[in-house]
Amino acid sequence: MSEKISEVQLRVGDARQRDVGRGIARIDQRTMQRLGISAGDVIEIVGKRTTSAIAWPAYSEDQNREIIRIDGFTRKNAGVAINEYVIVRPAKVKEALNVTLAPVDMRLNVDEDFTNFVKNRLMERTLVEGDTTLVMMLGHAIPFVVTKTRPHGIVKVTAETKLTILSEPAPEGKGVPRTTYEDIGGLHEEIQRV
């Protein structure tokens, strides 16, 4: 059994289609043991930016390869691309008192029912100010930018969190990928063969 360490450096891989938009990071068992974390624990991912994800077990072919598989939104939140390296460590998560979200590319009619719906979708999800997060609505993934959190750092949405949703798009929402390669899917196996 390897000794516990506080952080590791892992190479970024693309997420499988079924993992896109779920806020999860696939990590191999040995890395989880070394970090002292289990599946379902929140991890901090540090690239050019800091973001968070929920650790999930790696696929069998990724065991002992020191890879972290994250989707396009998580990569953008960390400011990294596929095959770049990130630092991964167990996250110190605080309960969110306040979270403010803004739509990325549309105006919204926001009322109490809508806010409660989004809050329920984000329950137990972790967020960092500046992150883009996806909320599933009527079969569509709607991206929001986290414009403000109190406290700062990695926060978790709970029943006590006061959620505010702005009706106007966030200016920093410009440049957010509407659709990442994995969202389209379908060619992964073909590309692997090439």
N, C-alpha and C. Protein backbone atom coordinates (compact mmCIF):
# COMPACT_ATOMS: atom_id res chain seq x y z
N MET A 1 0.86 -1.20 0.00
CA MET A 1 0.00 0.00 0.00
C MET A 1 0.89 1.24 0.00
N SER A 2 0.66 2.16 -0.94
CA SER A 2 1.49 3.35 -1.01
C SER A 2 1.09 4.33 0.09
N GLU A 3 2.06 5.20 0.45
CA GLU A 3 1.76 6.15 1.52
C GLU A 3 0.84 7.25 1.00
N LYS A 4 0.12 7.87 1.94
CA LYS A 4 -0.83 8.93 1.55
C LYS A 4 -0.07 10.20 1.22
N ILE A 5 -0.56 10.90 0.22
CA ILE A 5 0.02 12.18 -0.17
C ILE A 5 -1.11 13.21 -0.24
N SER A 6 -0.73 14.50 -0.26
CA SER A 6 -1.78 15.53 -0.22
C SER A 6 -2.26 15.93 -1.61
N GLU A 7 -1.42 15.71 -2.66
CA GLU A 7 -1.85 16.06 -4.01
C GLU A 7 -1.08 15.24 -5.03
N VAL A 8 -1.67 15.11 -6.22
CA VAL A 8 -1.01 14.39 -7.31
C VAL A 8 -1.14 15.20 -8.59
N GLN A 9 -0.25 14.91 -9.53
CA GLN A 9 -0.35 15.51 -10.86
C GLN A 9 -0.87 14.44 -11.80
N LEU A 10 -1.94 14.75 -12.52
CA LEU A 10 -2.55 13.78 -13.44
C LEU A 10 -2.70 14.40 -14.82
N ARG A 11 -2.63 13.55 -15.84
CA ARG A 11 -2.81 14.00 -17.22
C ARG A 11 -4.31 14.00 -17.54
N VAL A 12 -4.77 15.04 -18.21
CA VAL A 12 -6.19 15.20 -18.53
C VAL A 12 -6.56 14.38 -19.76
N GLY A 13 -7.63 13.59 -19.61
CA GLY A 13 -8.20 12.85 -20.73
C GLY A 13 -9.63 13.29 -20.94
N ASP A 14 -10.19 12.97 -22.10
CA ASP A 14 -11.58 13.37 -22.37
C ASP A 14 -12.55 12.42 -21.68
N ALA A 15 -13.70 12.97 -21.33
CA ALA A 15 -14.73 12.17 -20.66
C ALA A 15 -15.46 11.32 -21.69
N ARG A 16 -15.96 10.19 -21.24
CA ARG A 16 -16.84 9.40 -22.10
C ARG A 16 -18.18 10.12 -22.21
N GLN A 17 -18.88 9.84 -23.29
CA GLN A 17 -20.17 10.50 -23.56
C GLN A 17 -21.12 10.43 -22.35
N ARG A 18 -21.19 9.28 -21.71
CA ARG A 18 -22.14 9.10 -20.60
C ARG A 18 -21.79 9.94 -19.37
N ASP A 19 -20.55 10.46 -19.30
CA ASP A 19 -20.12 11.24 -18.14
C ASP A 19 -20.22 12.75 -18.35
N VAL A 20 -20.52 13.18 -19.58
CA VAL A 20 -20.53 14.62 -19.90
C VAL A 20 -21.64 15.33 -19.13
N GLY A 21 -21.30 16.47 -18.52
CA GLY A 21 -22.28 17.31 -17.83
C GLY A 21 -22.65 16.85 -16.44
N ARG A 22 -21.95 15.84 -15.91
CA ARG A 22 -22.32 15.31 -14.59
C ARG A 22 -21.43 15.83 -13.47
N GLY A 23 -20.39 16.60 -13.81
CA GLY A 23 -19.52 17.14 -12.77
C GLY A 23 -18.67 16.09 -12.08
N ILE A 24 -18.32 15.02 -12.83
CA ILE A 24 -17.51 13.96 -12.23
C ILE A 24 -16.14 13.89 -12.89
N ALA A 25 -15.20 13.33 -12.16
CA ALA A 25 -13.84 13.12 -12.65
C ALA A 25 -13.49 11.66 -12.41
N ARG A 26 -13.09 10.96 -13.44
CA ARG A 26 -12.73 9.54 -13.30
C ARG A 26 -11.24 9.45 -12.96
N ILE A 27 -10.95 8.79 -11.83
CA ILE A 27 -9.58 8.65 -11.32
C ILE A 27 -9.35 7.20 -10.93
N ASP A 28 -8.13 6.71 -11.16
CA ASP A 28 -7.87 5.30 -10.86
C ASP A 28 -7.77 5.05 -9.35
N GLN A 29 -7.98 3.78 -9.00
CA GLN A 29 -8.06 3.35 -7.60
C GLN A 29 -6.79 3.68 -6.82
N ARG A 30 -5.63 3.45 -7.43
CA ARG A 30 -4.36 3.70 -6.72
C ARG A 30 -4.23 5.18 -6.35
N THR A 31 -4.60 6.05 -7.28
CA THR A 31 -4.53 7.50 -7.02
C THR A 31 -5.49 7.87 -5.90
N MET A 32 -6.71 7.31 -5.92
CA MET A 32 -7.68 7.60 -4.85
C MET A 32 -7.11 7.17 -3.49
N GLN A 33 -6.52 5.98 -3.44
CA GLN A 33 -5.95 5.50 -2.18
C GLN A 33 -4.83 6.41 -1.70
N ARG A 34 -3.97 6.83 -2.63
CA ARG A 34 -2.84 7.70 -2.25
C ARG A 34 -3.33 9.04 -1.71
N LEU A 35 -4.45 9.54 -2.26
CA LEU A 35 -5.01 10.81 -1.79
C LEU A 35 -5.91 10.63 -0.56
N GLY A 36 -6.21 9.38 -0.23
CA GLY A 36 -7.08 9.11 0.92
C GLY A 36 -8.53 9.49 0.66
N ILE A 37 -8.96 9.34 -0.61
CA ILE A 37 -10.34 9.66 -0.96
C ILE A 37 -11.06 8.43 -1.48
N SER A 38 -12.38 8.51 -1.51
CA SER A 38 -13.22 7.43 -2.04
C SER A 38 -14.09 7.98 -3.14
N ALA A 39 -14.69 7.07 -3.91
CA ALA A 39 -15.65 7.49 -4.94
C ALA A 39 -16.76 8.29 -4.28
N GLY A 40 -17.12 9.42 -4.88
CA GLY A 40 -18.15 10.28 -4.32
C GLY A 40 -17.59 11.47 -3.56
N ASP A 41 -16.29 11.43 -3.23
CA ASP A 41 -15.67 12.57 -2.54
C ASP A 41 -15.41 13.70 -3.54
N VAL A 42 -15.40 14.92 -3.03
CA VAL A 42 -15.13 16.09 -3.89
C VAL A 42 -13.63 16.31 -3.96
N ILE A 43 -13.14 16.56 -5.19
CA ILE A 43 -11.73 16.87 -5.38
C ILE A 43 -11.58 18.28 -5.94
N GLU A 44 -10.44 18.87 -5.65
CA GLU A 44 -10.07 20.17 -6.21
C GLU A 44 -9.17 19.88 -7.41
N ILE A 45 -9.44 20.53 -8.54
CA ILE A 45 -8.66 20.34 -9.76
C ILE A 45 -8.04 21.69 -10.10
N VAL A 46 -6.70 21.73 -10.15
CA VAL A 46 -6.01 22.99 -10.38
C VAL A 46 -5.25 22.95 -11.69
N GLY A 47 -5.68 23.80 -12.62
CA GLY A 47 -4.96 24.04 -13.87
C GLY A 47 -4.59 25.51 -13.86
N LYS A 48 -5.00 26.25 -14.89
CA LYS A 48 -4.82 27.71 -14.87
C LYS A 48 -5.83 28.32 -13.90
N ARG A 49 -6.95 27.62 -13.67
CA ARG A 49 -7.96 28.01 -12.69
C ARG A 49 -8.17 26.83 -11.75
N THR A 50 -8.85 27.10 -10.66
CA THR A 50 -9.22 26.02 -9.73
C THR A 50 -10.71 25.74 -9.89
N THR A 51 -11.05 24.45 -9.98
CA THR A 51 -12.44 24.04 -10.02
C THR A 51 -12.59 22.79 -9.17
N SER A 52 -13.77 22.18 -9.22
CA SER A 52 -14.00 20.98 -8.42
C SER A 52 -14.79 19.97 -9.23
N ALA A 53 -14.76 18.74 -8.78
CA ALA A 53 -15.55 17.66 -9.39
C ALA A 53 -15.70 16.56 -8.35
N ILE A 54 -16.57 15.62 -8.65
CA ILE A 54 -16.76 14.47 -7.76
C ILE A 54 -15.95 13.31 -8.31
N ALA A 55 -15.12 12.73 -7.45
CA ALA A 55 -14.26 11.61 -7.86
C ALA A 55 -15.10 10.37 -8.11
N TRP A 56 -14.89 9.75 -9.26
CA TRP A 56 -15.54 8.49 -9.62
C TRP A 56 -14.45 7.53 -10.06
N PRO A 57 -14.71 6.22 -9.95
CA PRO A 57 -13.68 5.24 -10.34
C PRO A 57 -13.36 5.31 -11.83
N ALA A 58 -12.08 5.12 -12.14
CA ALA A 58 -11.64 5.10 -13.54
C ALA A 58 -12.18 3.85 -14.23
N TYR A 59 -12.27 3.93 -15.55
CA TYR A 59 -12.59 2.73 -16.34
C TYR A 59 -11.40 1.79 -16.26
N SER A 60 -11.64 0.50 -16.42
CA SER A 60 -10.59 -0.51 -16.22
C SER A 60 -9.35 -0.25 -17.07
N GLU A 61 -9.54 0.24 -18.31
CA GLU A 61 -8.36 0.46 -19.17
C GLU A 61 -7.51 1.65 -18.71
N ASP A 62 -8.03 2.47 -17.79
CA ASP A 62 -7.28 3.63 -17.30
C ASP A 62 -6.57 3.36 -15.97
N GLN A 63 -6.73 2.17 -15.39
CA GLN A 63 -6.09 1.89 -14.10
C GLN A 63 -4.58 2.05 -14.22
N ASN A 64 -3.98 2.70 -13.23
CA ASN A 64 -2.52 2.90 -13.12
C ASN A 64 -1.93 3.73 -14.26
N ARG A 65 -2.74 4.53 -14.95
CA ARG A 65 -2.22 5.37 -16.04
C ARG A 65 -2.07 6.83 -15.63
N GLU A 66 -2.43 7.17 -14.40
CA GLU A 66 -2.32 8.54 -13.89
C GLU A 66 -3.02 9.54 -14.80
N ILE A 67 -4.27 9.19 -15.12
CA ILE A 67 -5.13 10.01 -15.99
C ILE A 67 -6.33 10.47 -15.18
N ILE A 68 -6.82 11.67 -15.49
CA ILE A 68 -8.10 12.13 -14.94
C ILE A 68 -8.99 12.44 -16.14
N ARG A 69 -10.15 11.80 -16.20
CA ARG A 69 -11.07 12.03 -17.33
C ARG A 69 -12.15 13.02 -16.89
N ILE A 70 -12.16 14.20 -17.54
CA ILE A 70 -13.13 15.24 -17.22
C ILE A 70 -13.71 15.79 -18.52
N ASP A 71 -14.96 16.29 -18.44
CA ASP A 71 -15.62 16.78 -19.66
C ASP A 71 -15.15 18.19 -20.03
N GLY A 72 -15.64 18.67 -21.17
CA GLY A 72 -15.21 19.97 -21.70
C GLY A 72 -15.50 21.13 -20.78
N PHE A 73 -16.63 21.10 -20.06
CA PHE A 73 -16.94 22.19 -19.15
C PHE A 73 -15.98 22.19 -17.96
N THR A 74 -15.68 21.01 -17.41
CA THR A 74 -14.74 20.94 -16.29
C THR A 74 -13.35 21.36 -16.74
N ARG A 75 -12.96 20.94 -17.96
CA ARG A 75 -11.65 21.37 -18.49
C ARG A 75 -11.60 22.88 -18.63
N LYS A 76 -12.69 23.47 -19.16
CA LYS A 76 -12.72 24.94 -19.31
C LYS A 76 -12.68 25.60 -17.94
N ASN A 77 -13.41 25.04 -16.97
CA ASN A 77 -13.39 25.61 -15.62
C ASN A 77 -12.00 25.56 -15.00
N ALA A 78 -11.22 24.53 -15.35
CA ALA A 78 -9.84 24.41 -14.83
C ALA A 78 -8.84 25.12 -15.74
N GLY A 79 -9.29 25.56 -16.92
CA GLY A 79 -8.39 26.25 -17.84
C GLY A 79 -7.37 25.33 -18.48
N VAL A 80 -7.76 24.08 -18.79
CA VAL A 80 -6.82 23.11 -19.36
C VAL A 80 -7.43 22.42 -20.58
N ALA A 81 -6.54 21.79 -21.35
CA ALA A 81 -6.95 21.02 -22.53
C ALA A 81 -6.55 19.56 -22.32
N ILE A 82 -7.05 18.70 -23.20
CA ILE A 82 -6.68 17.28 -23.16
C ILE A 82 -5.17 17.15 -23.29
N ASN A 83 -4.59 16.23 -22.52
CA ASN A 83 -3.16 15.92 -22.46
C ASN A 83 -2.34 16.93 -21.67
N GLU A 84 -2.96 17.99 -21.13
CA GLU A 84 -2.25 18.86 -20.20
C GLU A 84 -2.35 18.23 -18.81
N TYR A 85 -1.58 18.79 -17.87
CA TYR A 85 -1.55 18.23 -16.51
C TYR A 85 -2.27 19.15 -15.53
N VAL A 86 -2.92 18.53 -14.55
CA VAL A 86 -3.57 19.27 -13.47
C VAL A 86 -3.08 18.71 -12.14
N ILE A 87 -3.18 19.54 -11.11
CA ILE A 87 -2.94 19.09 -9.74
C ILE A 87 -4.30 18.71 -9.16
N VAL A 88 -4.36 17.56 -8.52
CA VAL A 88 -5.61 17.07 -7.92
C VAL A 88 -5.37 16.84 -6.44
N ARG A 89 -6.27 17.35 -5.61
CA ARG A 89 -6.17 17.13 -4.16
C ARG A 89 -7.57 17.01 -3.57
N PRO A 90 -7.69 16.43 -2.37
CA PRO A 90 -9.00 16.40 -1.73
C PRO A 90 -9.48 17.84 -1.51
N ALA A 91 -10.75 18.10 -1.74
CA ALA A 91 -11.27 19.48 -1.64
C ALA A 91 -11.72 19.79 -0.22
N LYS A 92 -11.53 21.06 0.14
CA LYS A 92 -12.13 21.59 1.37
C LYS A 92 -13.40 22.30 0.92
N VAL A 93 -14.53 21.66 1.17
CA VAL A 93 -15.82 22.18 0.67
C VAL A 93 -16.57 22.88 1.79
N LYS A 94 -17.04 24.10 1.50
CA LYS A 94 -17.85 24.83 2.47
C LYS A 94 -19.30 24.84 1.98
N GLU A 95 -20.24 24.93 2.90
CA GLU A 95 -21.64 25.05 2.49
C GLU A 95 -21.88 26.46 1.99
N ALA A 96 -22.54 26.56 0.85
CA ALA A 96 -22.80 27.87 0.24
C ALA A 96 -23.90 28.60 1.00
N LEU A 97 -23.63 29.84 1.39
CA LEU A 97 -24.67 30.69 1.96
C LEU A 97 -25.44 31.36 0.83
N ASN A 98 -24.69 31.92 -0.14
CA ASN A 98 -25.29 32.58 -1.31
C ASN A 98 -24.57 32.14 -2.57
N VAL A 99 -25.33 31.93 -3.63
CA VAL A 99 -24.77 31.64 -4.95
C VAL A 99 -25.56 32.48 -5.96
N THR A 100 -24.82 33.17 -6.86
CA THR A 100 -25.47 33.92 -7.93
C THR A 100 -25.06 33.31 -9.26
N LEU A 101 -26.05 33.00 -10.08
CA LEU A 101 -25.82 32.43 -11.41
C LEU A 101 -26.33 33.40 -12.47
N ALA A 102 -25.69 33.36 -13.64
CA ALA A 102 -26.19 34.11 -14.79
C ALA A 102 -26.23 33.17 -15.98
N PRO A 103 -27.25 33.30 -16.84
CA PRO A 103 -27.28 32.47 -18.04
C PRO A 103 -26.10 32.83 -18.94
N VAL A 104 -25.65 31.89 -19.75
CA VAL A 104 -24.48 32.14 -20.60
C VAL A 104 -24.87 32.89 -21.86
N ASP A 105 -25.92 32.49 -22.53
CA ASP A 105 -26.17 33.07 -23.85
C ASP A 105 -27.65 33.32 -24.14
N MET A 106 -28.44 33.54 -23.10
CA MET A 106 -29.86 33.80 -23.33
C MET A 106 -30.42 34.64 -22.19
N ARG A 107 -31.52 35.32 -22.47
CA ARG A 107 -32.25 36.02 -21.41
C ARG A 107 -33.23 35.04 -20.80
N LEU A 108 -33.45 35.16 -19.51
CA LEU A 108 -34.37 34.25 -18.84
C LEU A 108 -35.45 35.04 -18.11
N ASN A 109 -36.63 34.47 -18.04
CA ASN A 109 -37.66 34.99 -17.15
C ASN A 109 -37.52 34.22 -15.85
N VAL A 110 -37.03 34.91 -14.83
CA VAL A 110 -36.73 34.24 -13.57
C VAL A 110 -37.83 34.52 -12.56
N ASP A 111 -38.42 33.46 -12.02
CA ASP A 111 -39.36 33.62 -10.91
C ASP A 111 -38.97 32.62 -9.82
N GLU A 112 -39.73 32.61 -8.75
CA GLU A 112 -39.39 31.76 -7.60
C GLU A 112 -39.41 30.28 -7.97
N ASP A 113 -40.40 29.86 -8.77
CA ASP A 113 -40.47 28.45 -9.18
C ASP A 113 -39.24 28.04 -9.99
N PHE A 114 -38.84 28.91 -10.91
CA PHE A 114 -37.67 28.61 -11.74
C PHE A 114 -36.41 28.51 -10.87
N THR A 115 -36.25 29.46 -9.95
CA THR A 115 -35.09 29.47 -9.05
C THR A 115 -35.07 28.19 -8.21
N ASN A 116 -36.22 27.79 -7.68
CA ASN A 116 -36.28 26.57 -6.87
C ASN A 116 -35.97 25.33 -7.71
N PHE A 117 -36.44 25.32 -8.96
CA PHE A 117 -36.15 24.20 -9.86
C PHE A 117 -34.64 24.06 -10.07
N VAL A 118 -33.99 25.18 -10.39
CA VAL A 118 -32.53 25.17 -10.63
C VAL A 118 -31.80 24.77 -9.35
N LYS A 119 -32.24 25.30 -8.22
CA LYS A 119 -31.59 24.97 -6.94
C LYS A 119 -31.67 23.47 -6.68
N ASN A 120 -32.84 22.87 -6.92
CA ASN A 120 -32.97 21.42 -6.73
C ASN A 120 -32.01 20.65 -7.64
N ARG A 121 -31.83 21.14 -8.86
CA ARG A 121 -30.90 20.48 -9.80
C ARG A 121 -29.45 20.61 -9.35
N LEU A 122 -29.15 21.67 -8.61
CA LEU A 122 -27.76 21.91 -8.18
C LEU A 122 -27.49 21.37 -6.78
N MET A 123 -28.51 20.83 -6.12
CA MET A 123 -28.36 20.36 -4.75
C MET A 123 -27.20 19.38 -4.62
N GLU A 124 -26.33 19.65 -3.64
CA GLU A 124 -25.16 18.82 -3.35
C GLU A 124 -24.07 18.92 -4.43
N ARG A 125 -24.29 19.75 -5.46
CA ARG A 125 -23.26 19.96 -6.48
C ARG A 125 -22.27 20.99 -5.93
N THR A 126 -21.01 20.88 -6.31
CA THR A 126 -20.02 21.86 -5.86
C THR A 126 -19.74 22.86 -6.97
N LEU A 127 -19.52 24.10 -6.56
CA LEU A 127 -19.31 25.20 -7.50
C LEU A 127 -18.15 26.07 -7.03
N VAL A 128 -17.52 26.75 -8.00
CA VAL A 128 -16.48 27.73 -7.72
C VAL A 128 -16.84 28.98 -8.53
N GLU A 129 -16.65 30.16 -7.93
CA GLU A 129 -16.93 31.40 -8.65
C GLU A 129 -16.18 31.40 -9.98
N GLY A 130 -16.88 31.75 -11.06
CA GLY A 130 -16.25 31.75 -12.39
C GLY A 130 -16.50 30.48 -13.18
N ASP A 131 -16.95 29.42 -12.50
CA ASP A 131 -17.26 28.15 -13.19
C ASP A 131 -18.45 28.31 -14.12
N THR A 132 -18.49 27.47 -15.14
CA THR A 132 -19.71 27.27 -15.92
C THR A 132 -20.28 25.94 -15.46
N THR A 133 -21.57 25.92 -15.16
CA THR A 133 -22.21 24.68 -14.73
C THR A 133 -23.44 24.43 -15.60
N LEU A 134 -23.74 23.17 -15.83
CA LEU A 134 -24.88 22.80 -16.67
C LEU A 134 -26.07 22.41 -15.80
N VAL A 135 -27.25 22.85 -16.20
CA VAL A 135 -28.48 22.44 -15.52
C VAL A 135 -29.39 21.83 -16.58
N MET A 136 -29.83 20.60 -16.35
CA MET A 136 -30.72 19.92 -17.30
C MET A 136 -32.14 20.44 -17.13
N MET A 137 -32.72 20.91 -18.24
CA MET A 137 -34.10 21.39 -18.24
C MET A 137 -34.80 20.90 -19.48
N LEU A 138 -35.88 20.16 -19.31
CA LEU A 138 -36.68 19.67 -20.44
C LEU A 138 -35.80 19.01 -21.51
N GLY A 139 -34.85 18.22 -21.05
CA GLY A 139 -34.00 17.48 -21.99
C GLY A 139 -32.86 18.28 -22.58
N HIS A 140 -32.71 19.55 -22.18
CA HIS A 140 -31.62 20.38 -22.68
C HIS A 140 -30.69 20.74 -21.54
N ALA A 141 -29.39 20.81 -21.83
CA ALA A 141 -28.41 21.25 -20.83
C ALA A 141 -28.24 22.76 -20.99
N ILE A 142 -28.66 23.51 -19.99
CA ILE A 142 -28.56 24.98 -20.03
C ILE A 142 -27.33 25.39 -19.22
N PRO A 143 -26.36 26.09 -19.86
CA PRO A 143 -25.17 26.52 -19.12
C PRO A 143 -25.40 27.82 -18.35
N PHE A 144 -24.89 27.86 -17.13
CA PHE A 144 -24.91 29.05 -16.29
C PHE A 144 -23.48 29.35 -15.84
N VAL A 145 -23.18 30.64 -15.67
CA VAL A 145 -21.90 31.04 -15.09
C VAL A 145 -22.15 31.35 -13.62
N VAL A 146 -21.27 30.85 -12.76
CA VAL A 146 -21.34 31.15 -11.33
C VAL A 146 -20.66 32.51 -11.15
N THR A 147 -21.47 33.58 -10.97
CA THR A 147 -20.88 34.91 -10.91
C THR A 147 -20.42 35.29 -9.51
N LYS A 148 -20.99 34.66 -8.48
CA LYS A 148 -20.62 35.02 -7.12
C LYS A 148 -20.99 33.88 -6.16
N THR A 149 -20.11 33.63 -5.19
CA THR A 149 -20.45 32.69 -4.11
C THR A 149 -20.05 33.32 -2.78
N ARG A 150 -20.78 32.97 -1.76
CA ARG A 150 -20.38 33.34 -0.41
C ARG A 150 -20.51 32.10 0.44
N PRO A 151 -19.48 31.61 1.09
CA PRO A 151 -18.10 32.12 1.05
C PRO A 151 -17.43 31.83 -0.30
N HIS A 152 -16.18 32.30 -0.45
CA HIS A 152 -15.40 32.00 -1.66
C HIS A 152 -14.86 30.58 -1.57
N GLY A 153 -14.23 30.12 -2.64
CA GLY A 153 -13.65 28.78 -2.67
C GLY A 153 -14.66 27.78 -3.22
N ILE A 154 -14.45 26.52 -2.90
CA ILE A 154 -15.35 25.46 -3.38
C ILE A 154 -16.53 25.38 -2.42
N VAL A 155 -17.73 25.58 -2.96
CA VAL A 155 -18.92 25.56 -2.12
C VAL A 155 -19.91 24.52 -2.63
N LYS A 156 -20.72 24.04 -1.70
CA LYS A 156 -21.75 23.04 -2.02
C LYS A 156 -23.12 23.68 -1.81
N VAL A 157 -24.01 23.48 -2.78
CA VAL A 157 -25.38 23.99 -2.67
C VAL A 157 -26.16 23.07 -1.73
N THR A 158 -26.79 23.68 -0.71
CA THR A 158 -27.60 22.92 0.25
C THR A 158 -29.00 23.54 0.31
N ALA A 159 -29.86 22.94 1.10
CA ALA A 159 -31.22 23.47 1.27
C ALA A 159 -31.20 24.89 1.83
N GLU A 160 -30.14 25.23 2.59
CA GLU A 160 -30.05 26.56 3.22
C GLU A 160 -29.49 27.62 2.28
N THR A 161 -28.95 27.23 1.14
CA THR A 161 -28.31 28.18 0.23
C THR A 161 -29.34 29.12 -0.38
N LYS A 162 -29.01 30.43 -0.39
CA LYS A 162 -29.87 31.41 -1.08
C LYS A 162 -29.35 31.52 -2.51
N LEU A 163 -30.15 31.08 -3.46
CA LEU A 163 -29.75 31.11 -4.87
C LEU A 163 -30.40 32.31 -5.57
N THR A 164 -29.57 33.07 -6.28
CA THR A 164 -30.06 34.19 -7.10
C THR A 164 -29.71 33.88 -8.55
N ILE A 165 -30.69 34.02 -9.44
CA ILE A 165 -30.43 33.81 -10.87
C ILE A 165 -30.71 35.11 -11.59
N LEU A 166 -29.70 35.62 -12.28
CA LEU A 166 -29.85 36.86 -13.05
C LEU A 166 -30.58 36.54 -14.35
N SER A 167 -31.36 37.49 -14.85
CA SER A 167 -32.09 37.23 -16.09
C SER A 167 -31.25 37.56 -17.32
N GLU A 168 -30.21 38.41 -17.15
CA GLU A 168 -29.36 38.80 -18.28
C GLU A 168 -28.12 37.91 -18.34
N PRO A 169 -27.62 37.63 -19.55
CA PRO A 169 -26.39 36.83 -19.68
C PRO A 169 -25.20 37.53 -19.02
N ALA A 170 -24.31 36.73 -18.48
CA ALA A 170 -23.10 37.25 -17.85
C ALA A 170 -22.11 37.67 -18.93
N PRO A 171 -21.45 38.84 -18.76
CA PRO A 171 -20.46 39.25 -19.76
C PRO A 171 -19.33 38.24 -19.86
N GLU A 172 -18.93 37.61 -18.72
CA GLU A 172 -17.85 36.62 -18.79
C GLU A 172 -18.30 35.31 -19.42
N GLY A 173 -19.60 35.22 -19.75
CA GLY A 173 -20.09 34.02 -20.42
C GLY A 173 -19.62 33.92 -21.86
N LYS A 174 -19.10 35.02 -22.40
CA LYS A 174 -18.60 34.98 -23.77
C LYS A 174 -17.45 33.98 -23.84
N GLY A 175 -17.42 33.20 -24.88
CA GLY A 175 -16.32 32.25 -25.04
C GLY A 175 -16.57 30.92 -24.35
N VAL A 176 -17.71 30.76 -23.70
CA VAL A 176 -18.03 29.47 -23.09
C VAL A 176 -18.42 28.52 -24.21
N PRO A 177 -17.86 27.31 -24.22
CA PRO A 177 -18.19 26.42 -25.33
C PRO A 177 -19.66 26.03 -25.28
N ARG A 178 -20.38 26.29 -26.34
CA ARG A 178 -21.78 25.87 -26.39
C ARG A 178 -21.84 24.35 -26.45
N THR A 179 -21.02 23.80 -27.34
CA THR A 179 -21.01 22.36 -27.51
C THR A 179 -19.56 21.92 -27.58
N THR A 180 -19.17 21.00 -26.72
CA THR A 180 -17.81 20.48 -26.79
C THR A 180 -17.83 19.23 -27.65
N TYR A 181 -16.66 18.77 -28.04
CA TYR A 181 -16.56 17.62 -28.92
C TYR A 181 -17.31 16.41 -28.34
N GLU A 182 -17.15 16.19 -27.01
CA GLU A 182 -17.79 15.00 -26.42
C GLU A 182 -19.30 15.09 -26.45
N ASP A 183 -19.85 16.32 -26.42
CA ASP A 183 -21.30 16.46 -26.45
C ASP A 183 -21.87 15.85 -27.73
N ILE A 184 -21.09 15.94 -28.82
CA ILE A 184 -21.54 15.39 -30.10
C ILE A 184 -21.41 13.88 -30.06
N GLY A 185 -20.24 13.41 -29.63
CA GLY A 185 -20.01 11.97 -29.46
C GLY A 185 -20.08 11.20 -30.76
N GLY A 186 -19.92 9.88 -30.65
CA GLY A 186 -20.12 9.03 -31.80
C GLY A 186 -18.88 8.65 -32.56
N LEU A 187 -17.80 9.43 -32.47
CA LEU A 187 -16.60 9.11 -33.26
C LEU A 187 -15.44 8.64 -32.40
N HIS A 188 -15.64 8.54 -31.09
CA HIS A 188 -14.54 8.22 -30.20
C HIS A 188 -13.82 6.92 -30.59
N GLU A 189 -14.58 5.85 -30.82
CA GLU A 189 -13.96 4.57 -31.16
C GLU A 189 -13.22 4.66 -32.49
N GLU A 190 -13.82 5.36 -33.47
CA GLU A 190 -13.18 5.49 -34.78
C GLU A 190 -11.85 6.23 -34.66
N ILE A 191 -11.82 7.28 -33.86
CA ILE A 191 -10.59 8.05 -33.69
C ILE A 191 -9.55 7.21 -32.98
N GLN A 192 -9.96 6.42 -31.99
CA GLN A 192 -9.02 5.55 -31.28
C GLN A 192 -8.35 4.59 -32.25
N ARG A 193 -9.13 4.07 -33.23
CA ARG A 193 -8.57 3.13 -34.20
C ARG A 193 -7.52 3.78 -35.07
N VAL A 194 -7.73 5.05 -35.43
CA VAL A 194 -6.78 5.78 -36.27
C VAL A 194 -5.55 6.04 -35.44
